[in-house]
Amino acid sequence: MNKLALSVVLGLGLLAGNAVAGDVAAGKAKSAVCAACHGADGIAVIPGYPNLKGQSEQYIVSSIKAYKAGQRTGGLAPVMQAQASMLNDADIANLAAYYASLK
């Protein structure tokens, strides 16, 4: 019985973690500063800058968090590190949800 209870608790925890997703509308509102380099529609306006439109939500989250933690250091990383430092986890999730939603 203890194994069953443990399995149920772990399963619910996994489902709860997957159920938490960013808010697309909040991400769109927050994306105004991103648009200067990554475009209003997620298509970069500056050569060499990545397109964010349609990128994987998890990829965007992990990328922004890596910039925020100083783990990405190449190229224009200082610009992204500064931008990422101003974002909390909800902001990051919302931006990722917004850009992932663009098709």
PDB file of N, CA and C in Angstrom:
ATOM      1  N   MET A   1       0.818  -1.197   0.000  1.00  0.00           N
ATOM      2  CA  MET A   1       0.000   0.000   0.000  1.00  0.00           C
ATOM      3  C   MET A   1       0.860   1.258   0.000  1.00  0.00           C
ATOM      4  N   ASN A   2       2.000   1.207   0.725  1.00  0.00           N
ATOM      5  CA  ASN A   2       2.879   2.374   0.782  1.00  0.00           C
ATOM      6  C   ASN A   2       3.460   2.685  -0.588  1.00  0.00           C
ATOM      7  N   LYS A   3       3.765   1.644  -1.373  1.00  0.00           N
ATOM      8  CA  LYS A   3       4.297   1.866  -2.718  1.00  0.00           C
ATOM      9  C   LYS A   3       3.252   2.533  -3.604  1.00  0.00           C
ATOM     10  N   LEU A   4       2.009   2.132  -3.464  1.00  0.00           N
ATOM     11  CA  LEU A   4       0.926   2.726  -4.241  1.00  0.00           C
ATOM     12  C   LEU A   4       0.756   4.196  -3.874  1.00  0.00           C
ATOM     13  N   ALA A   5       0.757   4.501  -2.591  1.00  0.00           N
ATOM     14  CA  ALA A   5       0.604   5.885  -2.144  1.00  0.00           C
ATOM     15  C   ALA A   5       1.759   6.738  -2.642  1.00  0.00           C
ATOM     16  N   LEU A   6       2.963   6.203  -2.563  1.00  0.00           N
ATOM     17  CA  LEU A   6       4.130   6.929  -3.042  1.00  0.00           C
ATOM     18  C   LEU A   6       4.035   7.166  -4.542  1.00  0.00           C
ATOM     19  N   SER A   7       3.600   6.170  -5.279  1.00  0.00           N
ATOM     20  CA  SER A   7       3.443   6.308  -6.725  1.00  0.00           C
ATOM     21  C   SER A   7       2.423   7.379  -7.086  1.00  0.00           C
ATOM     22  N   VAL A   8       1.327   7.408  -6.364  1.00  0.00           N
ATOM     23  CA  VAL A   8       0.282   8.403  -6.618  1.00  0.00           C
ATOM     24  C   VAL A   8       0.814   9.808  -6.326  1.00  0.00           C
ATOM     25  N   VAL A   9       1.498   9.971  -5.215  1.00  0.00           N
ATOM     26  CA  VAL A   9       2.042  11.283  -4.850  1.00  0.00           C
ATOM     27  C   VAL A   9       3.060  11.743  -5.890  1.00  0.00           C
ATOM     28  N   LEU A  10       3.953  10.857  -6.281  1.00  0.00           N
ATOM     29  CA  LEU A  10       4.952  11.218  -7.293  1.00  0.00           C
ATOM     30  C   LEU A  10       4.296  11.534  -8.630  1.00  0.00           C
ATOM     31  N   GLY A  11       3.324  10.752  -9.017  1.00  0.00           N
ATOM     32  CA  GLY A  11       2.619  10.982 -10.277  1.00  0.00           C
ATOM     33  C   GLY A  11       1.897  12.318 -10.295  1.00  0.00           C
ATOM     34  N   LEU A  12       1.242  12.647  -9.204  1.00  0.00           N
ATOM     35  CA  LEU A  12       0.556  13.939  -9.117  1.00  0.00           C
ATOM     36  C   LEU A  12       1.552  15.088  -9.150  1.00  0.00           C
ATOM     37  N   GLY A  13       2.688  14.900  -8.526  1.00  0.00           N
ATOM     38  CA  GLY A  13       3.721  15.929  -8.557  1.00  0.00           C
ATOM     39  C   GLY A  13       4.232  16.166  -9.963  1.00  0.00           C
ATOM     40  N   LEU A  14       4.415  15.103 -10.712  1.00  0.00           N
ATOM     41  CA  LEU A  14       4.864  15.240 -12.098  1.00  0.00           C
ATOM     42  C   LEU A  14       3.806  15.925 -12.949  1.00  0.00           C
ATOM     43  N   LEU A  15       2.559  15.555 -12.761  1.00  0.00           N
ATOM     44  CA  LEU A  15       1.482  16.185 -13.522  1.00  0.00           C
ATOM     45  C   LEU A  15       1.368  17.656 -13.188  1.00  0.00           C
ATOM     46  N   ALA A  16       1.513  18.000 -11.931  1.00  0.00           N
ATOM     47  CA  ALA A  16       1.414  19.403 -11.527  1.00  0.00           C
ATOM     48  C   ALA A  16       2.540  20.203 -12.150  1.00  0.00           C
ATOM     49  N   GLY A  17       3.733  19.637 -12.206  1.00  0.00           N
ATOM     50  CA  GLY A  17       4.861  20.332 -12.818  1.00  0.00           C
ATOM     51  C   GLY A  17       4.655  20.563 -14.293  1.00  0.00           C
ATOM     52  N   ASN A  18       4.046  19.631 -14.977  1.00  0.00           N
ATOM     53  CA  ASN A  18       3.789  19.773 -16.400  1.00  0.00           C
ATOM     54  C   ASN A  18       2.612  20.685 -16.681  1.00  0.00           C
ATOM     55  N   ALA A  19       1.714  20.820 -15.713  1.00  0.00           N
ATOM     56  CA  ALA A  19       0.522  21.624 -15.932  1.00  0.00           C
ATOM     57  C   ALA A  19       0.827  23.120 -15.854  1.00  0.00           C
ATOM     58  N   VAL A  20       1.913  23.474 -15.208  1.00  0.00           N
ATOM     59  CA  VAL A  20       2.273  24.872 -15.074  1.00  0.00           C
ATOM     60  C   VAL A  20       2.902  25.343 -16.376  1.00  0.00           C
ATOM     61  N   ALA A  21       2.232  26.236 -17.031  1.00  0.00           N
ATOM     62  CA  ALA A  21       2.746  26.769 -18.295  1.00  0.00           C
ATOM     63  C   ALA A  21       2.670  28.286 -18.223  1.00  0.00           C
ATOM     64  N   GLY A  22       3.440  28.910 -19.091  1.00  0.00           N
ATOM     65  CA  GLY A  22       3.436  30.360 -19.130  1.00  0.00           C
ATOM     66  C   GLY A  22       2.143  30.903 -19.705  1.00  0.00           C
ATOM     67  N   ASP A  23       1.905  32.151 -19.448  1.00  0.00           N
ATOM     68  CA  ASP A  23       0.736  32.868 -19.928  1.00  0.00           C
ATOM     69  C   ASP A  23       1.121  33.599 -21.212  1.00  0.00           C
ATOM     70  N   VAL A  24       0.527  33.187 -22.325  1.00  0.00           N
ATOM     71  CA  VAL A  24       0.860  33.745 -23.636  1.00  0.00           C
ATOM     72  C   VAL A  24       0.598  35.253 -23.680  1.00  0.00           C
ATOM     73  N   ALA A  25      -0.547  35.690 -23.160  1.00  0.00           N
ATOM     74  CA  ALA A  25      -0.884  37.120 -23.197  1.00  0.00           C
ATOM     75  C   ALA A  25       0.107  37.940 -22.370  1.00  0.00           C
ATOM     76  N   ALA A  26       0.477  37.431 -21.199  1.00  0.00           N
ATOM     77  CA  ALA A  26       1.449  38.132 -20.361  1.00  0.00           C
ATOM     78  C   ALA A  26       2.812  38.159 -21.037  1.00  0.00           C
ATOM     79  N   GLY A  27       3.153  37.067 -21.718  1.00  0.00           N
ATOM     80  CA  GLY A  27       4.422  37.015 -22.451  1.00  0.00           C
ATOM     81  C   GLY A  27       4.455  38.020 -23.592  1.00  0.00           C
ATOM     82  N   LYS A  28       3.339  38.135 -24.289  1.00  0.00           N
ATOM     83  CA  LYS A  28       3.269  39.109 -25.386  1.00  0.00           C
ATOM     84  C   LYS A  28       3.472  40.520 -24.851  1.00  0.00           C
ATOM     85  N   ALA A  29       2.839  40.831 -23.735  1.00  0.00           N
ATOM     86  CA  ALA A  29       2.986  42.160 -23.136  1.00  0.00           C
ATOM     87  C   ALA A  29       4.427  42.409 -22.698  1.00  0.00           C
ATOM     88  N   LYS A  30       5.075  41.391 -22.190  1.00  0.00           N
ATOM     89  CA  LYS A  30       6.454  41.522 -21.695  1.00  0.00           C
ATOM     90  C   LYS A  30       7.466  41.560 -22.839  1.00  0.00           C
ATOM     91  N   SER A  31       7.076  41.104 -24.022  1.00  0.00           N
ATOM     92  CA  SER A  31       8.017  40.941 -25.136  1.00  0.00           C
ATOM     93  C   SER A  31       8.399  42.240 -25.834  1.00  0.00           C
ATOM     94  N   ALA A  32       7.815  43.359 -25.445  1.00  0.00           N
ATOM     95  CA  ALA A  32       8.100  44.624 -26.130  1.00  0.00           C
ATOM     96  C   ALA A  32       9.591  44.938 -26.155  1.00  0.00           C
ATOM     97  N   VAL A  33      10.274  44.720 -25.046  1.00  0.00           N
ATOM     98  CA  VAL A  33      11.714  45.006 -25.009  1.00  0.00           C
ATOM     99  C   VAL A  33      12.493  44.020 -25.883  1.00  0.00           C
ATOM    100  N   CYS A  34      12.015  42.798 -26.006  1.00  0.00           N
ATOM    101  CA  CYS A  34      12.678  41.778 -26.830  1.00  0.00           C
ATOM    102  C   CYS A  34      12.587  42.130 -28.317  1.00  0.00           C
ATOM    103  N   ALA A  35      11.498  42.811 -28.678  1.00  0.00           N
ATOM    104  CA  ALA A  35      11.223  43.119 -30.079  1.00  0.00           C
ATOM    105  C   ALA A  35      12.298  43.986 -30.719  1.00  0.00           C
ATOM    106  N   ALA A  36      13.012  44.751 -29.941  1.00  0.00           N
ATOM    107  CA  ALA A  36      14.057  45.617 -30.498  1.00  0.00           C
ATOM    108  C   ALA A  36      15.099  44.811 -31.267  1.00  0.00           C
ATOM    109  N   CYS A  37      15.398  43.625 -30.810  1.00  0.00           N
ATOM    110  CA  CYS A  37      16.397  42.773 -31.474  1.00  0.00           C
ATOM    111  C   CYS A  37      15.776  41.555 -32.150  1.00  0.00           C
ATOM    112  N   HIS A  38      14.749  40.983 -31.507  1.00  0.00           N
ATOM    113  CA  HIS A  38      14.168  39.725 -31.991  1.00  0.00           C
ATOM    114  C   HIS A  38      12.910  39.926 -32.817  1.00  0.00           C
ATOM    115  N   GLY A  39      12.525  41.177 -33.065  1.00  0.00           N
ATOM    116  CA  GLY A  39      11.372  41.483 -33.898  1.00  0.00           C
ATOM    117  C   GLY A  39      10.053  41.383 -33.164  1.00  0.00           C
ATOM    118  N   ALA A  40       9.102  42.197 -33.576  1.00  0.00           N
ATOM    119  CA  ALA A  40       7.780  42.205 -32.949  1.00  0.00           C
ATOM    120  C   ALA A  40       7.058  40.877 -33.132  1.00  0.00           C
ATOM    121  N   ASP A  41       7.377  40.176 -34.211  1.00  0.00           N
ATOM    122  CA  ASP A  41       6.745  38.888 -34.492  1.00  0.00           C
ATOM    123  C   ASP A  41       7.670  37.707 -34.206  1.00  0.00           C
ATOM    124  N   GLY A  42       8.785  37.972 -33.511  1.00  0.00           N
ATOM    125  CA  GLY A  42       9.720  36.902 -33.176  1.00  0.00           C
ATOM    126  C   GLY A  42      10.724  36.591 -34.264  1.00  0.00           C
ATOM    127  N   ILE A  43      10.685  37.351 -35.353  1.00  0.00           N
ATOM    128  CA  ILE A  43      11.667  37.201 -36.435  1.00  0.00           C
ATOM    129  C   ILE A  43      12.676  38.333 -36.260  1.00  0.00           C
ATOM    130  N   ALA A  44      13.924  37.971 -36.026  1.00  0.00           N
ATOM    131  CA  ALA A  44      14.968  38.944 -35.713  1.00  0.00           C
ATOM    132  C   ALA A  44      15.090  40.011 -36.786  1.00  0.00           C
ATOM    133  N   VAL A  45      15.267  41.247 -36.330  1.00  0.00           N
ATOM    134  CA  VAL A  45      15.420  42.372 -37.246  1.00  0.00           C
ATOM    135  C   VAL A  45      16.890  42.725 -37.457  1.00  0.00           C
ATOM    136  N   ILE A  46      17.765  42.120 -36.674  1.00  0.00           N
ATOM    137  CA  ILE A  46      19.198  42.376 -36.775  1.00  0.00           C
ATOM    138  C   ILE A  46      19.879  41.076 -37.199  1.00  0.00           C
ATOM    139  N   PRO A  47      20.662  41.119 -38.285  1.00  0.00           N
ATOM    140  CA  PRO A  47      21.365  39.898 -38.714  1.00  0.00           C
ATOM    141  C   PRO A  47      22.220  39.322 -37.569  1.00  0.00           C
ATOM    142  N   GLY A  48      22.185  38.019 -37.431  1.00  0.00           N
ATOM    143  CA  GLY A  48      22.954  37.357 -36.393  1.00  0.00           C
ATOM    144  C   GLY A  48      22.198  37.134 -35.099  1.00  0.00           C
ATOM    145  N   TYR A  49      21.063  37.780 -34.935  1.00  0.00           N
ATOM    146  CA  TYR A  49      20.243  37.575 -33.744  1.00  0.00           C
ATOM    147  C   TYR A  49      19.282  36.432 -34.030  1.00  0.00           C
ATOM    148  N   PRO A  50      19.015  35.589 -33.051  1.00  0.00           N
ATOM    149  CA  PRO A  50      18.146  34.426 -33.309  1.00  0.00           C
ATOM    150  C   PRO A  50      16.668  34.796 -33.422  1.00  0.00           C
ATOM    151  N   ASN A  51      15.981  34.055 -34.272  1.00  0.00           N
ATOM    152  CA  ASN A  51      14.528  34.141 -34.349  1.00  0.00           C
ATOM    153  C   ASN A  51      13.961  33.381 -33.159  1.00  0.00           C
ATOM    154  N   LEU A  52      12.962  33.937 -32.513  1.00  0.00           N
ATOM    155  CA  LEU A  52      12.328  33.280 -31.374  1.00  0.00           C
ATOM    156  C   LEU A  52      10.983  32.668 -31.744  1.00  0.00           C
ATOM    157  N   LYS A  53      10.412  33.107 -32.824  1.00  0.00           N
ATOM    158  CA  LYS A  53       9.104  32.627 -33.278  1.00  0.00           C
ATOM    159  C   LYS A  53       9.125  31.107 -33.432  1.00  0.00           C
ATOM    160  N   GLY A  54       8.208  30.450 -32.735  1.00  0.00           N
ATOM    161  CA  GLY A  54       8.039  29.011 -32.869  1.00  0.00           C
ATOM    162  C   GLY A  54       9.096  28.157 -32.191  1.00  0.00           C
ATOM    163  N   GLN A  55      10.026  28.772 -31.470  1.00  0.00           N
ATOM    164  CA  GLN A  55      11.035  27.984 -30.763  1.00  0.00           C
ATOM    165  C   GLN A  55      10.354  27.178 -29.662  1.00  0.00           C
ATOM    166  N   SER A  56      10.975  26.102 -29.270  1.00  0.00           N
ATOM    167  CA  SER A  56      10.478  25.268 -28.183  1.00  0.00           C
ATOM    168  C   SER A  56      10.406  26.084 -26.887  1.00  0.00           C
ATOM    169  N   GLU A  57       9.299  25.947 -26.201  1.00  0.00           N
ATOM    170  CA  GLU A  57       9.106  26.667 -24.944  1.00  0.00           C
ATOM    171  C   GLU A  57      10.217  26.334 -23.950  1.00  0.00           C
ATOM    172  N   GLN A  58      10.532  25.057 -23.820  1.00  0.00           N
ATOM    173  CA  GLN A  58      11.565  24.647 -22.868  1.00  0.00           C
ATOM    174  C   GLN A  58      12.934  25.173 -23.281  1.00  0.00           C
ATOM    175  N   TYR A  59      13.207  25.226 -24.578  1.00  0.00           N
ATOM    176  CA  TYR A  59      14.484  25.763 -25.058  1.00  0.00           C
ATOM    177  C   TYR A  59      14.624  27.236 -24.678  1.00  0.00           C
ATOM    178  N   ILE A  60      13.557  27.993 -24.861  1.00  0.00           N
ATOM    179  CA  ILE A  60      13.612  29.416 -24.523  1.00  0.00           C
ATOM    180  C   ILE A  60      13.813  29.595 -23.022  1.00  0.00           C
ATOM    181  N   VAL A  61      13.097  28.824 -22.221  1.00  0.00           N
ATOM    182  CA  VAL A  61      13.246  28.903 -20.768  1.00  0.00           C
ATOM    183  C   VAL A  61      14.685  28.598 -20.371  1.00  0.00           C
ATOM    184  N   SER A  62      15.223  27.488 -20.874  1.00  0.00           N
ATOM    185  CA  SER A  62      16.577  27.106 -20.468  1.00  0.00           C
ATOM    186  C   SER A  62      17.612  28.104 -20.973  1.00  0.00           C
ATOM    187  N   SER A  63      17.394  28.665 -22.149  1.00  0.00           N
ATOM    188  CA  SER A  63      18.330  29.650 -22.686  1.00  0.00           C
ATOM    189  C   SER A  63      18.349  30.923 -21.851  1.00  0.00           C
ATOM    190  N   ILE A  64      17.171  31.447 -21.534  1.00  0.00           N
ATOM    191  CA  ILE A  64      17.109  32.675 -20.747  1.00  0.00           C
ATOM    192  C   ILE A  64      17.702  32.443 -19.360  1.00  0.00           C
ATOM    193  N   LYS A  65      17.388  31.298 -18.766  1.00  0.00           N
ATOM    194  CA  LYS A  65      17.935  31.000 -17.439  1.00  0.00           C
ATOM    195  C   LYS A  65      19.458  30.848 -17.491  1.00  0.00           C
ATOM    196  N   ALA A  66      19.978  30.300 -18.586  1.00  0.00           N
ATOM    197  CA  ALA A  66      21.434  30.173 -18.731  1.00  0.00           C
ATOM    198  C   ALA A  66      22.088  31.548 -18.850  1.00  0.00           C
ATOM    199  N   TYR A  67      21.463  32.454 -19.596  1.00  0.00           N
ATOM    200  CA  TYR A  67      21.979  33.825 -19.658  1.00  0.00           C
ATOM    201  C   TYR A  67      21.937  34.470 -18.273  1.00  0.00           C
ATOM    202  N   LYS A  68      20.827  34.302 -17.589  1.00  0.00           N
ATOM    203  CA  LYS A  68      20.645  34.912 -16.270  1.00  0.00           C
ATOM    204  C   LYS A  68      21.696  34.407 -15.281  1.00  0.00           C
ATOM    205  N   ALA A  69      22.044  33.130 -15.389  1.00  0.00           N
ATOM    206  CA  ALA A  69      23.034  32.524 -14.485  1.00  0.00           C
ATOM    207  C   ALA A  69      24.474  32.786 -14.933  1.00  0.00           C
ATOM    208  N   GLY A  70      24.637  33.449 -16.082  1.00  0.00           N
ATOM    209  CA  GLY A  70      25.980  33.724 -16.589  1.00  0.00           C
ATOM    210  C   GLY A  70      26.642  32.521 -17.238  1.00  0.00           C
ATOM    211  N   GLN A  71      25.860  31.505 -17.591  1.00  0.00           N
ATOM    212  CA  GLN A  71      26.402  30.297 -18.205  1.00  0.00           C
ATOM    213  C   GLN A  71      26.619  30.443 -19.704  1.00  0.00           C
ATOM    214  N   ARG A  72      25.966  31.385 -20.320  1.00  0.00           N
ATOM    215  CA  ARG A  72      26.187  31.682 -21.739  1.00  0.00           C
ATOM    216  C   ARG A  72      27.017  32.960 -21.793  1.00  0.00           C
ATOM    217  N   THR A  73      28.167  32.857 -22.446  1.00  0.00           N
ATOM    218  CA  THR A  73      29.098  33.983 -22.387  1.00  0.00           C
ATOM    219  C   THR A  73      29.590  34.448 -23.752  1.00  0.00           C
ATOM    220  N   GLY A  74      29.228  33.779 -24.823  1.00  0.00           N
ATOM    221  CA  GLY A  74      29.740  34.145 -26.141  1.00  0.00           C
ATOM    222  C   GLY A  74      28.985  35.290 -26.787  1.00  0.00           C
ATOM    223  N   GLY A  75      29.584  35.838 -27.810  1.00  0.00           N
ATOM    224  CA  GLY A  75      28.929  36.844 -28.641  1.00  0.00           C
ATOM    225  C   GLY A  75      28.350  38.008 -27.871  1.00  0.00           C
ATOM    226  N   LEU A  76      27.066  38.206 -28.022  1.00  0.00           N
ATOM    227  CA  LEU A  76      26.371  39.316 -27.374  1.00  0.00           C
ATOM    228  C   LEU A  76      25.756  38.912 -26.029  1.00  0.00           C
ATOM    229  N   ALA A  77      26.357  37.920 -25.394  1.00  0.00           N
ATOM    230  CA  ALA A  77      25.838  37.441 -24.111  1.00  0.00           C
ATOM    231  C   ALA A  77      25.673  38.545 -23.078  1.00  0.00           C
ATOM    232  N   PRO A  78      26.578  39.522 -22.995  1.00  0.00           N
ATOM    233  CA  PRO A  78      26.374  40.570 -21.986  1.00  0.00           C
ATOM    234  C   PRO A  78      25.036  41.309 -22.150  1.00  0.00           C
ATOM    235  N   VAL A  79      24.591  41.478 -23.382  1.00  0.00           N
ATOM    236  CA  VAL A  79      23.305  42.138 -23.621  1.00  0.00           C
ATOM    237  C   VAL A  79      22.172  41.270 -23.074  1.00  0.00           C
ATOM    238  N   MET A  80      22.215  39.976 -23.400  1.00  0.00           N
ATOM    239  CA  MET A  80      21.168  39.072 -22.935  1.00  0.00           C
ATOM    240  C   MET A  80      21.250  38.840 -21.432  1.00  0.00           C
ATOM    241  N   GLN A  81      22.447  38.809 -20.878  1.00  0.00           N
ATOM    242  CA  GLN A  81      22.576  38.640 -19.432  1.00  0.00           C
ATOM    243  C   GLN A  81      21.917  39.805 -18.702  1.00  0.00           C
ATOM    244  N   ALA A  82      22.108  41.009 -19.214  1.00  0.00           N
ATOM    245  CA  ALA A  82      21.484  42.185 -18.602  1.00  0.00           C
ATOM    246  C   ALA A  82      19.964  42.110 -18.696  1.00  0.00           C
ATOM    247  N   GLN A  83      19.461  41.723 -19.862  1.00  0.00           N
ATOM    248  CA  GLN A  83      18.010  41.608 -20.037  1.00  0.00           C
ATOM    249  C   GLN A  83      17.444  40.497 -19.152  1.00  0.00           C
ATOM    250  N   ALA A  84      18.101  39.346 -19.137  1.00  0.00           N
ATOM    251  CA  ALA A  84      17.620  38.202 -18.366  1.00  0.00           C
ATOM    252  C   ALA A  84      17.638  38.480 -16.868  1.00  0.00           C
ATOM    253  N   SER A  85      18.584  39.281 -16.422  1.00  0.00           N
ATOM    254  CA  SER A  85      18.687  39.577 -14.991  1.00  0.00           C
ATOM    255  C   SER A  85      17.450  40.310 -14.466  1.00  0.00           C
ATOM    256  N   MET A  86      16.704  40.934 -15.360  1.00  0.00           N
ATOM    257  CA  MET A  86      15.509  41.685 -14.955  1.00  0.00           C
ATOM    258  C   MET A  86      14.236  40.832 -14.973  1.00  0.00           C
ATOM    259  N   LEU A  87      14.369  39.552 -15.343  1.00  0.00           N
ATOM    260  CA  LEU A  87      13.203  38.681 -15.467  1.00  0.00           C
ATOM    261  C   LEU A  87      13.113  37.713 -14.294  1.00  0.00           C
ATOM    262  N   ASN A  88      11.902  37.514 -13.794  1.00  0.00           N
ATOM    263  CA  ASN A  88      11.696  36.467 -12.792  1.00  0.00           C
ATOM    264  C   ASN A  88      11.236  35.199 -13.504  1.00  0.00           C
ATOM    265  N   ASP A  89      11.052  34.127 -12.772  1.00  0.00           N
ATOM    266  CA  ASP A  89      10.679  32.847 -13.387  1.00  0.00           C
ATOM    267  C   ASP A  89       9.355  32.922 -14.139  1.00  0.00           C
ATOM    268  N   ALA A  90       8.388  33.664 -13.604  1.00  0.00           N
ATOM    269  CA  ALA A  90       7.094  33.798 -14.286  1.00  0.00           C
ATOM    270  C   ALA A  90       7.261  34.555 -15.603  1.00  0.00           C
ATOM    271  N   ASP A  91       8.068  35.626 -15.590  1.00  0.00           N
ATOM    272  CA  ASP A  91       8.330  36.372 -16.829  1.00  0.00           C
ATOM    273  C   ASP A  91       8.943  35.457 -17.889  1.00  0.00           C
ATOM    274  N   ILE A  92       9.906  34.663 -17.464  1.00  0.00           N
ATOM    275  CA  ILE A  92      10.597  33.762 -18.395  1.00  0.00           C
ATOM    276  C   ILE A  92       9.609  32.755 -18.973  1.00  0.00           C
ATOM    277  N   ALA A  93       8.796  32.163 -18.120  1.00  0.00           N
ATOM    278  CA  ALA A  93       7.799  31.188 -18.581  1.00  0.00           C
ATOM    279  C   ALA A  93       6.801  31.844 -19.531  1.00  0.00           C
ATOM    280  N   ASN A  94       6.387  33.060 -19.229  1.00  0.00           N
ATOM    281  CA  ASN A  94       5.417  33.756 -20.064  1.00  0.00           C
ATOM    282  C   ASN A  94       6.018  34.102 -21.427  1.00  0.00           C
ATOM    283  N   LEU A  95       7.245  34.591 -21.435  1.00  0.00           N
ATOM    284  CA  LEU A  95       7.893  34.900 -22.724  1.00  0.00           C
ATOM    285  C   LEU A  95       8.063  33.639 -23.557  1.00  0.00           C
ATOM    286  N   ALA A  96       8.467  32.566 -22.916  1.00  0.00           N
ATOM    287  CA  ALA A  96       8.654  31.300 -23.634  1.00  0.00           C
ATOM    288  C   ALA A  96       7.330  30.806 -24.220  1.00  0.00           C
ATOM    289  N   ALA A  97       6.265  30.919 -23.448  1.00  0.00           N
ATOM    290  CA  ALA A  97       4.948  30.488 -23.927  1.00  0.00           C
ATOM    291  C   ALA A  97       4.523  31.338 -25.127  1.00  0.00           C
ATOM    292  N   TYR A  98       4.773  32.635 -25.046  1.00  0.00           N
ATOM    293  CA  TYR A  98       4.383  33.529 -26.132  1.00  0.00           C
ATOM    294  C   TYR A  98       5.145  33.183 -27.425  1.00  0.00           C
ATOM    295  N   TYR A  99       6.463  33.131 -27.357  1.00  0.00           N
ATOM    296  CA  TYR A  99       7.238  32.874 -28.571  1.00  0.00           C
ATOM    297  C   TYR A  99       6.983  31.474 -29.127  1.00  0.00           C
ATOM    298  N   ALA A 100       6.781  30.514 -28.250  1.00  0.00           N
ATOM    299  CA  ALA A 100       6.465  29.146 -28.705  1.00  0.00           C
ATOM    300  C   ALA A 100       5.109  29.088 -29.397  1.00  0.00           C
ATOM    301  N   SER A 101       4.192  29.978 -29.002  1.00  0.00           N
ATOM    302  CA  SER A 101       2.849  29.970 -29.583  1.00  0.00           C
ATOM    303  C   SER A 101       2.813  30.539 -31.000  1.00  0.00           C
ATOM    304  N   LEU A 102       3.844  31.287 -31.369  1.00  0.00           N
ATOM    305  CA  LEU A 102       3.865  31.903 -32.702  1.00  0.00           C
ATOM    306  C   LEU A 102       4.202  30.845 -33.746  1.00  0.00           C
ATOM    307  N   LYS A 103       3.376  30.734 -34.729  1.00  0.00           N
ATOM    308  CA  LYS A 103       3.613  29.721 -35.781  1.00  0.00           C
ATOM    309  C   LYS A 103       3.738  30.370 -37.124  1.00  0.00           C
TER     310      LYS A 103
END
